[in-house]
Amino acid sequence: MSDLEQLNREHFSKPIPGERLNAFWKTARECAKEFKNENLGTEPRSRRGERD
């Protein structure tokens, strides 16, 4: 086994701690909420529609 394979095996065999994963999802949800609020009421227009 090469050094790289050994490193991969050691690094990726460890599970991500639950609290870190939860923090990630919480942040992702907050970002999605802000994004949705910023874009509320704006209809996406097709490129062809914009030119008309």
PDB file of N, CA and C in Angstrom:
ATOM      1  N   MET A   1       0.850  -1.193   0.000  1.00  0.00           N
ATOM      2  CA  MET A   1       0.000   0.000   0.000  1.00  0.00           C
ATOM      3  C   MET A   1       0.891   1.250   0.000  1.00  0.00           C
ATOM      4  N   SER A   2       0.560   2.187  -0.863  1.00  0.00           N
ATOM      5  CA  SER A   2       1.356   3.419  -0.933  1.00  0.00           C
ATOM      6  C   SER A   2       1.052   4.328   0.254  1.00  0.00           C
ATOM      7  N   ASP A   3       1.889   5.324   0.427  1.00  0.00           N
ATOM      8  CA  ASP A   3       1.690   6.293   1.515  1.00  0.00           C
ATOM      9  C   ASP A   3       0.353   7.013   1.362  1.00  0.00           C
ATOM     10  N   LEU A   4       0.021   7.334   0.113  1.00  0.00           N
ATOM     11  CA  LEU A   4      -1.222   8.056  -0.152  1.00  0.00           C
ATOM     12  C   LEU A   4      -2.436   7.199   0.223  1.00  0.00           C
ATOM     13  N   GLU A   5      -2.390   5.923  -0.153  1.00  0.00           N
ATOM     14  CA  GLU A   5      -3.493   5.019   0.199  1.00  0.00           C
ATOM     15  C   GLU A   5      -3.629   4.900   1.713  1.00  0.00           C
ATOM     16  N   GLN A   6      -2.496   4.811   2.386  1.00  0.00           N
ATOM     17  CA  GLN A   6      -2.497   4.707   3.844  1.00  0.00           C
ATOM     18  C   GLN A   6      -3.126   5.952   4.469  1.00  0.00           C
ATOM     19  N   LEU A   7      -2.728   7.109   3.969  1.00  0.00           N
ATOM     20  CA  LEU A   7      -3.249   8.378   4.467  1.00  0.00           C
ATOM     21  C   LEU A   7      -4.762   8.467   4.243  1.00  0.00           C
ATOM     22  N   ASN A   8      -5.199   8.100   3.041  1.00  0.00           N
ATOM     23  CA  ASN A   8      -6.631   8.106   2.730  1.00  0.00           C
ATOM     24  C   ASN A   8      -7.404   7.197   3.667  1.00  0.00           C
ATOM     25  N   ARG A   9      -6.881   6.009   3.883  1.00  0.00           N
ATOM     26  CA  ARG A   9      -7.567   5.035   4.730  1.00  0.00           C
ATOM     27  C   ARG A   9      -7.706   5.579   6.155  1.00  0.00           C
ATOM     28  N   GLU A  10      -6.636   6.168   6.674  1.00  0.00           N
ATOM     29  CA  GLU A  10      -6.664   6.713   8.037  1.00  0.00           C
ATOM     30  C   GLU A  10      -7.618   7.903   8.137  1.00  0.00           C
ATOM     31  N   HIS A  11      -7.581   8.764   7.139  1.00  0.00           N
ATOM     32  CA  HIS A  11      -8.370   9.994   7.197  1.00  0.00           C
ATOM     33  C   HIS A  11      -9.855   9.714   6.993  1.00  0.00           C
ATOM     34  N   PHE A  12     -10.192   8.898   5.995  1.00  0.00           N
ATOM     35  CA  PHE A  12     -11.594   8.721   5.623  1.00  0.00           C
ATOM     36  C   PHE A  12     -12.309   7.631   6.408  1.00  0.00           C
ATOM     37  N   SER A  13     -11.549   6.866   7.208  1.00  0.00           N
ATOM     38  CA  SER A  13     -12.199   5.838   7.999  1.00  0.00           C
ATOM     39  C   SER A  13     -12.840   6.433   9.246  1.00  0.00           C
ATOM     40  N   LYS A  14     -12.424   7.669   9.605  1.00  0.00           N
ATOM     41  CA  LYS A  14     -12.977   8.315  10.800  1.00  0.00           C
ATOM     42  C   LYS A  14     -14.311   8.968  10.452  1.00  0.00           C
ATOM     43  N   PRO A  15     -15.349   8.702  11.228  1.00  0.00           N
ATOM     44  CA  PRO A  15     -16.626   9.362  10.957  1.00  0.00           C
ATOM     45  C   PRO A  15     -16.578  10.832  11.365  1.00  0.00           C
ATOM     46  N   ILE A  16     -17.389  11.642  10.711  1.00  0.00           N
ATOM     47  CA  ILE A  16     -17.469  13.065  11.073  1.00  0.00           C
ATOM     48  C   ILE A  16     -18.243  13.162  12.376  1.00  0.00           C
ATOM     49  N   PRO A  17     -17.725  13.899  13.353  1.00  0.00           N
ATOM     50  CA  PRO A  17     -18.455  14.051  14.614  1.00  0.00           C
ATOM     51  C   PRO A  17     -19.830  14.668  14.382  1.00  0.00           C
ATOM     52  N   GLY A  18     -20.829  14.152  15.085  1.00  0.00           N
ATOM     53  CA  GLY A  18     -22.205  14.588  14.902  1.00  0.00           C
ATOM     54  C   GLY A  18     -22.407  16.074  15.091  1.00  0.00           C
ATOM     55  N   GLU A  19     -21.745  16.644  16.091  1.00  0.00           N
ATOM     56  CA  GLU A  19     -21.963  18.071  16.348  1.00  0.00           C
ATOM     57  C   GLU A  19     -21.438  18.930  15.200  1.00  0.00           C
ATOM     58  N   ARG A  20     -20.349  18.509  14.580  1.00  0.00           N
ATOM     59  CA  ARG A  20     -19.825  19.264  13.437  1.00  0.00           C
ATOM     60  C   ARG A  20     -20.774  19.165  12.251  1.00  0.00           C
ATOM     61  N   LEU A  21     -21.338  17.975  12.043  1.00  0.00           N
ATOM     62  CA  LEU A  21     -22.265  17.773  10.948  1.00  0.00           C
ATOM     63  C   LEU A  21     -23.538  18.586  11.172  1.00  0.00           C
ATOM     64  N   ASN A  22     -24.039  18.590  12.407  1.00  0.00           N
ATOM     65  CA  ASN A  22     -25.238  19.363  12.741  1.00  0.00           C
ATOM     66  C   ASN A  22     -24.998  20.851  12.536  1.00  0.00           C
ATOM     67  N   ALA A  23     -23.813  21.322  12.922  1.00  0.00           N
ATOM     68  CA  ALA A  23     -23.474  22.736  12.753  1.00  0.00           C
ATOM     69  C   ALA A  23     -23.460  23.094  11.272  1.00  0.00           C
ATOM     70  N   PHE A  24     -22.941  22.177  10.465  1.00  0.00           N
ATOM     71  CA  PHE A  24     -22.910  22.401   9.020  1.00  0.00           C
ATOM     72  C   PHE A  24     -24.321  22.535   8.459  1.00  0.00           C
ATOM     73  N   TRP A  25     -25.209  21.624   8.830  1.00  0.00           N
ATOM     74  CA  TRP A  25     -26.578  21.656   8.300  1.00  0.00           C
ATOM     75  C   TRP A  25     -27.331  22.877   8.780  1.00  0.00           C
ATOM     76  N   LYS A  26     -27.092  23.282  10.024  1.00  0.00           N
ATOM     77  CA  LYS A  26     -27.745  24.478  10.559  1.00  0.00           C
ATOM     78  C   LYS A  26     -27.332  25.699   9.734  1.00  0.00           C
ATOM     79  N   THR A  27     -26.035  25.805   9.466  1.00  0.00           N
ATOM     80  CA  THR A  27     -25.522  26.922   8.676  1.00  0.00           C
ATOM     81  C   THR A  27     -26.098  26.880   7.268  1.00  0.00           C
ATOM     82  N   ALA A  28     -26.147  25.693   6.678  1.00  0.00           N
ATOM     83  CA  ALA A  28     -26.670  25.546   5.319  1.00  0.00           C
ATOM     84  C   ALA A  28     -28.142  25.961   5.258  1.00  0.00           C
ATOM     85  N   ARG A  29     -28.922  25.566   6.272  1.00  0.00           N
ATOM     86  CA  ARG A  29     -30.341  25.939   6.315  1.00  0.00           C
ATOM     87  C   ARG A  29     -30.515  27.449   6.441  1.00  0.00           C
ATOM     88  N   GLU A  30     -29.694  28.078   7.289  1.00  0.00           N
ATOM     89  CA  GLU A  30     -29.786  29.529   7.466  1.00  0.00           C
ATOM     90  C   GLU A  30     -29.439  30.257   6.165  1.00  0.00           C
ATOM     91  N   CYS A  31     -28.422  29.775   5.481  1.00  0.00           N
ATOM     92  CA  CYS A  31     -28.028  30.387   4.211  1.00  0.00           C
ATOM     93  C   CYS A  31     -29.143  30.245   3.184  1.00  0.00           C
ATOM     94  N   ALA A  32     -29.755  29.075   3.138  1.00  0.00           N
ATOM     95  CA  ALA A  32     -30.843  28.839   2.190  1.00  0.00           C
ATOM     96  C   ALA A  32     -32.024  29.750   2.489  1.00  0.00           C
ATOM     97  N   LYS A  33     -32.308  29.945   3.774  1.00  0.00           N
ATOM     98  CA  LYS A  33     -33.416  30.799   4.178  1.00  0.00           C
ATOM     99  C   LYS A  33     -33.154  32.241   3.739  1.00  0.00           C
ATOM    100  N   GLU A  34     -31.922  32.734   3.988  1.00  0.00           N
ATOM    101  CA  GLU A  34     -31.565  34.094   3.593  1.00  0.00           C
ATOM    102  C   GLU A  34     -31.643  34.254   2.084  1.00  0.00           C
ATOM    103  N   PHE A  35     -31.154  33.250   1.366  1.00  0.00           N
ATOM    104  CA  PHE A  35     -31.162  33.292  -0.094  1.00  0.00           C
ATOM    105  C   PHE A  35     -32.600  33.363  -0.607  1.00  0.00           C
ATOM    106  N   LYS A  36     -33.474  32.553  -0.011  1.00  0.00           N
ATOM    107  CA  LYS A  36     -34.872  32.529  -0.424  1.00  0.00           C
ATOM    108  C   LYS A  36     -35.523  33.884  -0.155  1.00  0.00           C
ATOM    109  N   ASN A  37     -35.257  34.471   1.010  1.00  0.00           N
ATOM    110  CA  ASN A  37     -35.831  35.769   1.353  1.00  0.00           C
ATOM    111  C   ASN A  37     -35.356  36.865   0.411  1.00  0.00           C
ATOM    112  N   GLU A  38     -34.077  36.822   0.049  1.00  0.00           N
ATOM    113  CA  GLU A  38     -33.530  37.832  -0.856  1.00  0.00           C
ATOM    114  C   GLU A  38     -34.177  37.742  -2.228  1.00  0.00           C
ATOM    115  N   ASN A  39     -34.506  36.528  -2.660  1.00  0.00           N
ATOM    116  CA  ASN A  39     -35.015  36.336  -4.011  1.00  0.00           C
ATOM    117  C   ASN A  39     -36.530  36.208  -4.073  1.00  0.00           C
ATOM    118  N   LEU A  40     -37.187  36.453  -2.953  1.00  0.00           N
ATOM    119  CA  LEU A  40     -38.633  36.334  -2.915  1.00  0.00           C
ATOM    120  C   LEU A  40     -39.254  37.396  -3.827  1.00  0.00           C
ATOM    121  N   GLY A  41     -40.202  36.967  -4.629  1.00  0.00           N
ATOM    122  CA  GLY A  41     -40.903  37.918  -5.480  1.00  0.00           C
ATOM    123  C   GLY A  41     -40.207  38.198  -6.800  1.00  0.00           C
ATOM    124  N   THR A  42     -39.037  37.611  -7.002  1.00  0.00           N
ATOM    125  CA  THR A  42     -38.373  37.805  -8.290  1.00  0.00           C
ATOM    126  C   THR A  42     -38.584  36.557  -9.121  1.00  0.00           C
ATOM    127  N   GLU A  43     -39.265  36.737 -10.235  1.00  0.00           N
ATOM    128  CA  GLU A  43     -39.532  35.604 -11.121  1.00  0.00           C
ATOM    129  C   GLU A  43     -38.313  35.362 -12.000  1.00  0.00           C
ATOM    130  N   PRO A  44     -37.858  34.124 -12.085  1.00  0.00           N
ATOM    131  CA  PRO A  44     -36.750  33.870 -13.012  1.00  0.00           C
ATOM    132  C   PRO A  44     -37.242  34.003 -14.453  1.00  0.00           C
ATOM    133  N   ARG A  45     -36.521  34.773 -15.257  1.00  0.00           N
ATOM    134  CA  ARG A  45     -36.915  34.956 -16.648  1.00  0.00           C
ATOM    135  C   ARG A  45     -36.001  34.139 -17.544  1.00  0.00           C
ATOM    136  N   SER A  46     -36.568  33.613 -18.602  1.00  0.00           N
ATOM    137  CA  SER A  46     -35.736  32.873 -19.547  1.00  0.00           C
ATOM    138  C   SER A  46     -34.901  33.873 -20.329  1.00  0.00           C
ATOM    139  N   ARG A  47     -33.782  33.418 -20.847  1.00  0.00           N
ATOM    140  CA  ARG A  47     -32.907  34.323 -21.594  1.00  0.00           C
ATOM    141  C   ARG A  47     -33.625  34.877 -22.825  1.00  0.00           C
ATOM    142  N   ARG A  48     -34.424  34.028 -23.460  1.00  0.00           N
ATOM    143  CA  ARG A  48     -35.142  34.459 -24.651  1.00  0.00           C
ATOM    144  C   ARG A  48     -36.169  35.528 -24.268  1.00  0.00           C
ATOM    145  N   GLY A  49     -36.821  35.364 -23.126  1.00  0.00           N
ATOM    146  CA  GLY A  49     -37.831  36.308 -22.663  1.00  0.00           C
ATOM    147  C   GLY A  49     -37.241  37.674 -22.357  1.00  0.00           C
ATOM    148  N   GLU A  50     -36.000  37.699 -21.858  1.00  0.00           N
ATOM    149  CA  GLU A  50     -35.371  38.978 -21.525  1.00  0.00           C
ATOM    150  C   GLU A  50     -35.102  39.802 -22.778  1.00  0.00           C
ATOM    151  N   ARG A  51     -34.777  39.115 -23.885  1.00  0.00           N
ATOM    152  CA  ARG A  51     -34.439  39.830 -25.111  1.00  0.00           C
ATOM    153  C   ARG A  51     -35.664  40.434 -25.784  1.00  0.00           C
ATOM    154  N   ASP A  52     -36.802  39.813 -25.604  1.00  0.00           N
ATOM    155  CA  ASP A  52     -38.016  40.279 -26.294  1.00  0.00           C
ATOM    156  C   ASP A  52     -38.413  41.685 -25.894  1.00  0.00           C
TER     157      ASP A  52
END
